[in-house]
Protein backbone atom coordinates (compact mmCIF):
# COMPACT_ATOMS: atom_id res chain seq x y z
CA MET A 1 33.54 -5.88 40.03
CA GLY A 2 32.85 -6.34 43.73
CA TRP A 3 29.73 -7.93 45.19
CA LYS A 4 27.97 -4.55 44.99
CA GLN A 5 28.38 -3.87 41.27
CA ASN A 6 27.15 -6.63 39.03
CA SER A 7 24.67 -7.19 36.21
CA LEU A 8 21.77 -7.19 38.69
CA THR A 9 22.55 -3.83 40.31
CA ALA A 10 23.36 -2.34 36.90
CA ARG A 11 20.04 -3.48 35.41
CA LEU A 12 18.05 -2.15 38.36
CA GLY A 13 20.05 1.03 38.87
CA ILE A 14 20.57 0.31 42.57
CA GLN A 15 23.67 0.55 44.77
CA TYR A 16 23.48 -2.76 46.64
CA PRO A 17 21.98 -6.11 45.47
CA ILE A 18 19.69 -6.30 48.50
CA PHE A 19 15.92 -6.63 48.05
CA GLN A 20 13.33 -6.22 50.77
CA ALA A 21 10.81 -8.97 50.06
CA PRO A 22 7.38 -7.90 48.80
CA MET A 23 5.29 -9.28 51.68
CA ALA A 24 1.54 -8.97 51.12
CA GLY A 25 -1.07 -8.04 53.73
CA GLY A 26 -0.11 -4.50 54.65
CA LEU A 27 3.43 -5.33 55.85
CA THR A 28 5.28 -3.30 53.21
CA THR A 29 4.41 0.29 54.08
CA PRO A 30 5.54 3.16 51.81
CA GLU A 31 7.96 4.08 54.64
CA LEU A 32 9.54 0.61 54.60
CA ILE A 33 9.78 0.45 50.79
CA SER A 34 11.22 3.94 50.37
CA GLY A 35 13.54 3.46 53.35
CA VAL A 36 15.17 0.44 51.71
CA SER A 37 15.41 2.16 48.31
CA ASN A 38 16.87 5.30 49.88
CA CYS A 39 19.57 3.15 51.47
CA GLY A 40 20.60 1.76 48.09
CA GLY A 41 18.59 -1.49 48.08
CA LEU A 42 15.33 -2.35 46.33
CA GLY A 43 12.18 -1.77 48.35
CA ASN A 44 9.19 -3.82 47.20
CA MET A 45 5.43 -3.49 47.69
CA GLY A 46 3.51 -6.71 48.36
CA ALA A 47 0.41 -5.72 46.39
CA GLY A 48 -1.11 -9.18 45.92
CA TYR A 49 -4.22 -8.49 48.02
CA MET A 50 -4.48 -4.73 47.43
CA MET A 51 -7.25 -2.90 45.62
CA PRO A 52 -6.06 -1.09 42.47
CA ASP A 53 -6.77 2.37 43.93
CA ASP A 54 -4.79 1.55 47.07
CA ILE A 55 -1.84 0.38 44.96
CA ARG A 56 -1.94 3.67 43.07
CA ALA A 57 -2.10 5.69 46.29
CA ASP A 58 0.85 3.78 47.79
CA ILE A 59 2.92 4.19 44.61
CA LYS A 60 2.30 7.93 44.82
CA GLN A 61 3.41 7.95 48.45
CA VAL A 62 6.53 5.89 47.74
CA ARG A 63 7.44 8.31 44.94
CA GLU A 64 7.06 11.24 47.33
CA LEU A 65 9.47 9.54 49.75
CA THR A 66 12.13 8.35 47.30
CA ASP A 67 13.43 9.03 43.78
CA GLN A 68 15.13 5.62 43.72
CA PRO A 69 13.90 2.44 41.98
CA PHE A 70 11.33 0.26 43.79
CA GLY A 71 9.24 -2.78 42.86
CA ILE A 72 5.65 -4.00 43.03
CA ASN A 73 4.73 -7.67 43.41
CA LEU A 74 1.52 -9.28 42.16
CA PHE A 75 0.08 -12.78 42.57
CA VAL A 76 -0.67 -14.48 39.24
CA PRO A 77 -4.12 -16.04 39.74
CA ASP A 78 -4.88 -19.70 39.02
CA ARG A 79 -7.09 -20.07 35.97
CA ASP A 80 -9.87 -21.97 37.70
CA VAL A 81 -10.35 -22.12 41.43
CA SER A 82 -13.34 -23.95 42.77
CA ALA A 83 -14.45 -26.11 45.66
CA LYS A 84 -17.49 -28.26 46.29
CA THR A 85 -20.28 -26.46 48.13
CA GLU A 86 -20.26 -29.08 50.90
CA ASP A 87 -16.51 -28.57 51.43
CA ILE A 88 -16.97 -24.81 51.73
CA ILE A 89 -19.81 -25.32 54.24
CA ALA A 90 -17.72 -27.84 56.20
CA MET A 91 -14.77 -25.42 56.43
CA GLY A 92 -17.14 -22.63 57.48
CA THR A 93 -18.36 -24.87 60.32
CA VAL A 94 -14.78 -25.65 61.41
CA LEU A 95 -13.93 -21.93 61.46
CA GLU A 96 -17.08 -20.97 63.35
CA ARG A 97 -15.52 -21.90 66.70
CA TYR A 98 -12.86 -19.20 66.11
CA SER A 99 -15.26 -16.52 64.91
CA SER A 100 -17.53 -17.12 67.91
CA GLU A 101 -14.58 -17.18 70.34
CA LEU A 102 -13.55 -13.81 68.91
CA GLY A 103 -17.08 -12.47 69.32
CA MET A 104 -17.76 -12.03 65.62
CA ALA A 105 -21.41 -11.63 64.64
CA GLU A 106 -20.85 -12.86 61.08
CA LYS A 107 -20.35 -16.54 60.36
CA PRO A 108 -17.40 -17.36 58.09
CA ALA A 109 -18.58 -17.00 54.47
CA LEU A 110 -16.91 -16.57 51.09
CA PRO A 111 -17.07 -13.08 49.57
CA GLU A 112 -17.96 -12.71 45.89
CA LYS A 113 -14.62 -12.10 44.20
CA ASP A 114 -13.31 -12.30 40.67
CA TYR A 115 -9.58 -12.85 41.06
CA THR A 116 -8.70 -12.68 37.39
CA SER A 117 -10.43 -9.34 36.98
CA LEU A 118 -8.80 -7.95 40.16
CA TYR A 119 -5.37 -9.03 38.88
CA LYS A 120 -6.00 -7.41 35.49
CA LYS A 121 -6.97 -4.15 37.21
CA GLN A 122 -3.88 -4.31 39.46
CA LEU A 123 -1.72 -4.88 36.40
CA ALA A 124 -3.34 -1.96 34.59
CA VAL A 125 -2.33 0.35 37.45
CA LEU A 126 1.30 -0.83 37.26
CA MET A 127 1.34 -0.15 33.53
CA GLU A 128 -0.26 3.28 33.88
CA GLU A 129 2.14 4.21 36.66
CA ARG A 130 5.11 2.83 34.71
CA VAL A 131 6.66 1.25 37.79
CA PRO A 132 10.42 0.56 37.59
CA VAL A 133 10.24 -3.08 38.69
CA CYS A 134 7.49 -5.70 38.60
CA SER A 135 7.77 -9.08 40.29
CA PHE A 136 5.34 -11.98 40.14
CA THR A 137 4.59 -14.93 42.43
CA PHE A 138 2.49 -18.14 42.02
CA GLY A 139 2.84 -18.21 38.25
CA ILE A 140 4.01 -16.60 35.02
CA PRO A 141 1.90 -13.80 33.50
CA ASP A 142 0.67 -13.92 29.89
CA SER A 143 3.42 -13.19 27.37
CA THR A 144 1.50 -10.15 26.12
CA ASP A 145 1.55 -8.62 29.62
CA ILE A 146 5.27 -9.36 30.02
CA SER A 147 6.15 -7.77 26.67
CA GLU A 148 3.91 -4.77 27.38
CA LEU A 149 5.70 -4.13 30.69
CA LYS A 150 9.13 -4.65 29.13
CA LYS A 151 8.27 -2.29 26.28
CA GLN A 152 7.87 0.53 28.79
CA GLY A 153 11.16 -0.30 30.50
CA THR A 154 9.86 -2.20 33.53
CA VAL A 155 12.27 -4.82 34.89
CA ILE A 156 10.53 -8.21 35.28
CA ILE A 157 11.41 -10.43 38.25
CA GLY A 158 10.07 -13.98 38.52
CA THR A 159 9.81 -16.19 41.62
CA ALA A 160 10.98 -19.80 41.42
CA THR A 161 11.25 -22.58 44.01
CA ASN A 162 13.05 -25.11 41.83
CA VAL A 163 15.31 -25.18 38.76
CA ASN A 164 12.49 -26.06 36.36
CA GLU A 165 10.47 -22.98 37.38
CA ALA A 166 13.57 -20.78 37.02
CA VAL A 167 14.14 -22.07 33.47
CA GLU A 168 10.47 -21.47 32.59
CA TRP A 169 10.74 -17.93 33.91
CA GLU A 170 13.84 -17.20 31.85
CA GLU A 171 12.11 -18.56 28.73
CA ALA A 172 9.13 -16.30 29.49
CA GLY A 173 11.39 -13.24 29.47
CA ALA A 174 12.26 -12.56 33.12
CA ASP A 175 15.15 -10.12 33.53
CA MET A 176 16.09 -11.77 36.83
CA ILE A 177 14.72 -14.51 39.07
CA VAL A 178 14.30 -14.73 42.84
CA VAL A 179 14.95 -18.34 43.83
CA GLN A 180 13.13 -19.06 47.06
CA GLY A 181 14.62 -21.75 49.30
CA PHE A 182 12.44 -23.84 51.57
CA GLU A 183 13.64 -21.88 54.64
CA ALA A 184 11.73 -18.79 53.48
CA GLY A 185 8.87 -17.30 55.50
CA GLY A 186 5.40 -16.73 54.07
CA HIS A 187 4.02 -18.34 50.95
CA ARG A 188 5.94 -20.76 48.79
CA GLY A 189 6.10 -19.30 45.30
CA THR A 190 5.72 -22.76 43.72
CA PHE A 191 3.49 -22.85 40.65
CA HIS A 192 3.76 -26.55 39.84
CA ARG A 193 3.14 -29.49 42.17
CA GLY A 194 3.58 -28.17 45.72
CA GLU A 195 6.14 -30.77 46.76
CA SER A 196 8.40 -29.77 43.85
CA GLY A 197 9.25 -26.53 45.65
CA GLN A 198 10.77 -27.88 48.85
CA ILE A 199 14.46 -27.37 48.12
CA GLY A 200 16.73 -25.65 50.63
CA SER A 201 18.65 -22.52 49.62
CA MET A 202 22.08 -24.13 49.77
CA ALA A 203 21.09 -26.72 47.17
CA LEU A 204 18.82 -24.48 45.09
CA ILE A 205 21.00 -21.38 44.57
CA PRO A 206 23.95 -22.97 42.70
CA GLN A 207 21.74 -25.27 40.62
CA ALA A 208 19.40 -22.44 39.60
CA ALA A 209 22.33 -20.08 38.92
CA ASP A 210 23.87 -22.72 36.61
CA ALA A 211 20.59 -23.39 34.80
CA VAL A 212 19.75 -19.82 33.74
CA SER A 213 21.79 -17.04 32.19
CA CYS A 214 19.88 -14.14 33.79
CA PRO A 215 20.88 -12.98 37.31
CA VAL A 216 19.52 -14.91 40.27
CA ALA A 217 18.63 -13.37 43.65
CA ALA A 218 18.51 -15.76 46.62
CA ALA A 219 15.70 -15.79 49.20
CA GLY A 220 15.02 -18.01 52.18
CA GLY A 221 16.60 -17.88 55.62
CA ILE A 222 18.89 -14.92 54.86
CA MET A 223 18.94 -12.56 57.85
CA ASP A 224 22.40 -11.01 58.02
CA ALA A 225 25.69 -10.38 56.22
CA ARG A 226 26.76 -14.01 56.61
CA GLY A 227 23.68 -15.16 54.68
CA ILE A 228 24.28 -12.56 51.97
CA ALA A 229 27.94 -13.54 51.58
CA ALA A 230 27.04 -17.24 51.46
CA ALA A 231 24.38 -16.66 48.79
CA MET A 232 26.86 -14.70 46.65
CA ILE A 233 29.47 -17.44 46.95
CA LEU A 234 26.82 -20.00 45.91
CA GLY A 235 26.22 -18.09 42.68
CA ALA A 236 23.53 -15.51 43.44
CA GLU A 237 24.01 -11.93 42.27
CA GLY A 238 21.51 -10.58 44.76
CA VAL A 239 19.56 -11.47 47.89
CA GLN A 240 15.99 -10.95 49.10
CA LEU A 241 15.25 -10.67 52.82
CA GLY A 242 11.73 -10.75 54.24
CA THR A 243 11.66 -11.76 57.91
CA ALA A 244 14.64 -9.47 58.71
CA PHE A 245 12.65 -6.43 57.57
CA LEU A 246 9.44 -7.34 59.44
CA THR A 247 10.83 -6.25 62.81
CA CYS A 248 11.97 -2.88 61.41
CA ARG A 249 10.22 0.10 62.93
CA GLU A 250 8.86 1.04 59.50
CA SER A 251 7.23 -2.33 58.79
CA GLY A 252 3.44 -2.61 58.88
CA ALA A 253 3.52 -5.78 61.00
CA HIS A 254 1.17 -5.76 64.01
CA PRO A 255 3.03 -5.11 67.32
CA LEU A 256 2.07 -8.62 68.53
CA TYR A 257 3.43 -10.10 65.31
CA LYS A 258 6.72 -8.22 65.78
CA GLN A 259 6.89 -9.46 69.35
CA ALA A 260 6.34 -13.05 68.22
CA LEU A 261 9.16 -12.70 65.66
CA LEU A 262 11.57 -11.29 68.23
CA ASN A 263 10.82 -14.15 70.64
CA ALA A 264 10.73 -17.07 68.17
CA ARG A 265 13.42 -19.70 67.72
CA GLU A 266 14.53 -21.36 64.49
CA ASP A 267 12.66 -24.59 65.31
CA GLN A 268 9.32 -22.92 65.92
CA THR A 269 8.20 -22.37 62.32
CA ALA A 270 6.23 -24.78 60.15
CA VAL A 271 4.72 -24.86 56.68
CA THR A 272 0.92 -24.87 56.68
CA LYS A 273 -2.00 -24.56 54.26
CA ALA A 274 -4.43 -23.78 57.10
CA PHE A 275 -4.57 -20.01 56.63
CA SER A 276 -4.65 -19.63 52.87
CA GLY A 277 -4.84 -22.99 51.09
CA LYS A 278 -1.28 -22.60 49.78
CA PRO A 279 1.80 -23.81 51.68
CA ALA A 280 3.27 -20.95 53.74
CA ARG A 281 5.82 -20.87 56.56
CA GLY A 282 4.95 -19.19 59.84
CA ILE A 283 5.47 -19.38 63.59
CA ARG A 284 3.51 -22.35 64.92
CA ASN A 285 0.48 -21.31 66.94
CA GLN A 286 -2.82 -22.74 68.16
CA PHE A 287 -4.65 -22.24 64.87
CA MET A 288 -1.97 -24.14 62.94
CA GLU A 289 -1.95 -26.95 65.51
CA ASP A 290 -5.78 -27.19 65.57
CA MET A 291 -6.01 -27.31 61.79
CA GLN A 292 -3.49 -30.11 61.30
CA GLY A 293 -5.19 -32.89 59.40
CA VAL A 294 -8.12 -30.67 58.35
CA PRO A 295 -7.97 -30.43 54.52
CA ALA A 296 -7.87 -26.75 53.52
CA LEU A 297 -9.89 -25.33 50.63
CA PRO A 298 -7.82 -24.34 47.59
CA TYR A 299 -6.15 -20.92 47.57
CA PRO A 300 -7.50 -18.21 47.61
CA LEU A 301 -10.80 -19.57 48.97
CA GLN A 302 -9.28 -20.69 52.27
CA ASN A 303 -7.52 -17.33 52.51
CA ASP A 304 -10.81 -15.46 52.09
CA LEU A 305 -12.58 -17.57 54.70
CA THR A 306 -9.90 -17.11 57.36
CA ALA A 307 -9.06 -13.45 56.61
CA PRO A 308 -11.83 -11.90 58.80
CA ILE A 309 -10.85 -14.20 61.70
CA ARG A 310 -7.18 -13.20 61.44
CA LYS A 311 -8.12 -9.53 61.23
CA GLN A 312 -10.34 -9.76 64.30
CA ALA A 313 -7.66 -11.74 66.18
CA ALA A 314 -5.15 -8.94 65.52
CA LYS A 315 -7.69 -6.37 66.71
CA MET A 316 -8.28 -8.31 69.92
CA GLY A 317 -4.64 -9.10 70.60
CA ARG A 318 -4.94 -12.87 70.03
CA PRO A 319 -1.77 -13.94 68.15
CA GLU A 320 -2.76 -17.61 68.50
CA PHE A 321 -5.24 -17.08 65.63
CA MET A 322 -3.07 -14.81 63.45
CA SER A 323 -0.86 -15.82 60.52
CA LEU A 324 2.64 -15.04 61.83
CA TRP A 325 4.69 -15.60 58.66
CA ALA A 326 8.39 -16.10 59.36
CA GLY A 327 11.41 -17.84 57.86
CA GLN A 328 13.72 -20.30 59.61
CA GLY A 329 16.21 -17.50 60.30
CA VAL A 330 13.67 -15.86 62.64
CA GLY A 331 15.94 -16.33 65.69
CA LEU A 332 18.19 -13.61 64.24
CA SER A 333 15.42 -10.96 64.18
CA GLU A 334 16.25 -7.59 65.71
CA GLU A 335 14.33 -4.44 66.53
CA VAL A 336 15.90 -1.85 64.22
CA THR A 337 15.17 0.92 61.74
CA VAL A 338 15.52 0.20 58.02
CA LYS A 339 18.59 2.41 57.92
CA GLU A 340 20.28 0.59 60.81
CA LEU A 341 19.58 -2.80 59.23
CA MET A 342 20.78 -1.76 55.76
CA ILE A 343 24.03 -0.25 57.14
CA LYS A 344 24.65 -3.44 59.12
CA LEU A 345 23.99 -5.67 56.11
CA VAL A 346 26.19 -3.66 53.74
CA LYS A 347 29.10 -3.15 56.14
CA GLY A 348 29.01 -6.75 57.28
CA THR A 349 28.90 -8.15 53.76
CA GLU A 350 31.76 -5.86 52.72
CA ALA A 351 33.85 -7.10 55.63
CA LEU A 352 33.23 -10.73 54.66
CA LEU A 353 33.54 -10.56 50.87
CA GLU A 354 36.19 -7.90 50.43
CA LYS A 355 38.69 -9.38 52.86
């Protein structure tokens, strides 16, 4: 069995063990997802913030564009999220300088949202649509939900940032686990103490692969064939790339965001809680610098407060106030189509591993 055919590709029914990361916030368009799946990889929808009806509509569109397997990712909500009223008011005051600079009439305020009920509705759509693959971040779903999904043939993928989380995921019934190294862009998938999920890919992959018997896919800093080959040698059976797909023509990233990715260097990213309340890696900008030392509200409250500001910043072409998620491999970003990137990844990995 070569690097292409293993237990992971067999279980998913895909040609190559290459996943496009499920990045939330409108980045994973149906064109991007289906493009990856049509090229033999696994396209994934980052549905964490999506409304149930929008998820359903996008699933329909993906199915019109591909007959290959694809995945949907959801965020498992924390049981109880709360903040003191004075802390919420204080953060609103801090953020007011940005909303007024961007000419927003509304002052930053928290919307009324029930995260658990939104998640349950999102999950219901995935069950009704019988999606081929379901992945989860920020926690492990209830065992009843996992067994319900598995009963209908859905492959379950967990996200882990340390060995302990990987073991917990396997015990909960995951079919495979994405282990996310500290180099990764966007949110850390850690669901225990935040600092427990700060392990680099090179250390994490072999230790996680040894600790669980289900297949492991590596994420974090992988941008090209060299990263894929290295991950496979370290014990992964698959890889997940996020940043590399953001600069694809089919990605939903804002043009300014794409530009920032194409111009960034490896030393220009940092992990911050400023945008969402959870640690996430992005290209350092003014907002991140300004907010250093300002304690963020817990996720997703901070996320909700800053979301309108980020949206308005994108509208007005002000990347200094946008969340520009990116991994440490960002310096290898290229402007390509999904097809061009997938061909390059597959051919390059073949050349390295089948020598």
